[in-house]
Amino acid sequence: MRQIYDKEKISLNLARLKTHGQNFEIVIDPDNAVKFRHGEADVREALKSENVFKDAVKGELASEQHMNKIFKTIDALKIAAIIIKEGSIQVNDEYKDKLRAEKIKTLTEMLIKNAADANTGAPLTATRISNAFREANVHVDIFKRAEDQLDDVVSKLRLVLPLTFEKKILDIRIPANNAARLYGFVNSQSKILDQAWLSDGSWSCKAEIAAGMIAGFLDELKSKTHGDVEVSVEKKVEEKKKK
């Protein structure tokens, strides 16, 4: 006996594919369905039910005849994989809001780490970026990786927020008493381009870092070494062109 869902009481997360005049739906776990699209999960993890429906809300299963004719198989897992990859993902409003907030948070963190105010060189704050998102009415694709839509987001934000992705190279030398302990910190906050352990036990390196992060990085480095560190700015690195 088929199960019929009350639309007023339940909101299913679905993947849907309309093809050859037919409608095919599967009930999904949205987090894992998105991961499956990106090759990060198994199709079984993406499914709440290993059934292919014509209408999931009504509990109407898809015709095996139609599936075999269109997909050349009646294997639900193989068909589900096609539906998730080629169809549209339909999720409830609660999940949309959750994913949108997570995507904006990730994009904001990327901007804080890599960008700065183009006019002053000052670092960006989460509040300022959040306000710019609203002012520029920036739309984010909740199913697209943050890094894959960063260029488009930056182009829109630049209408209301001056952004630069300029990087600088720092020459750093840390004395022996702190060198080993602070290697991990420097490596986590910058891109080490060159390094050497000197005969006196000290460690020197050339580290590339976003211009907006330099002030905070130096403050923390000096705090951790009690000022016993040598740092100089070597040169600017050309900003990566944003489309």
Foldseek 3Di string as FASTA:
>chain_A
DFDAADPVPDDFKWQWDQDPNAIKIFTFDVVQLLCVLVVNHALVNGGPDLFIASDVNGRHGDDCVVCCVPVVDSRSSVVSSCSSNPTDIGGDPVVVVVLQVVLLVVLLVVCQFFKDQPVPLAGDDSVVVVVLCVVLVDDDDSSDHSVVCNLVRVVSSCVPTHMFRKKWKKKKKAAQVCAVVCPVVQVVNFPWPDKDQDPRNIIITITIGGSNCVVVSVVVVCVVRVNRMDMDIDDMDDTDDRD
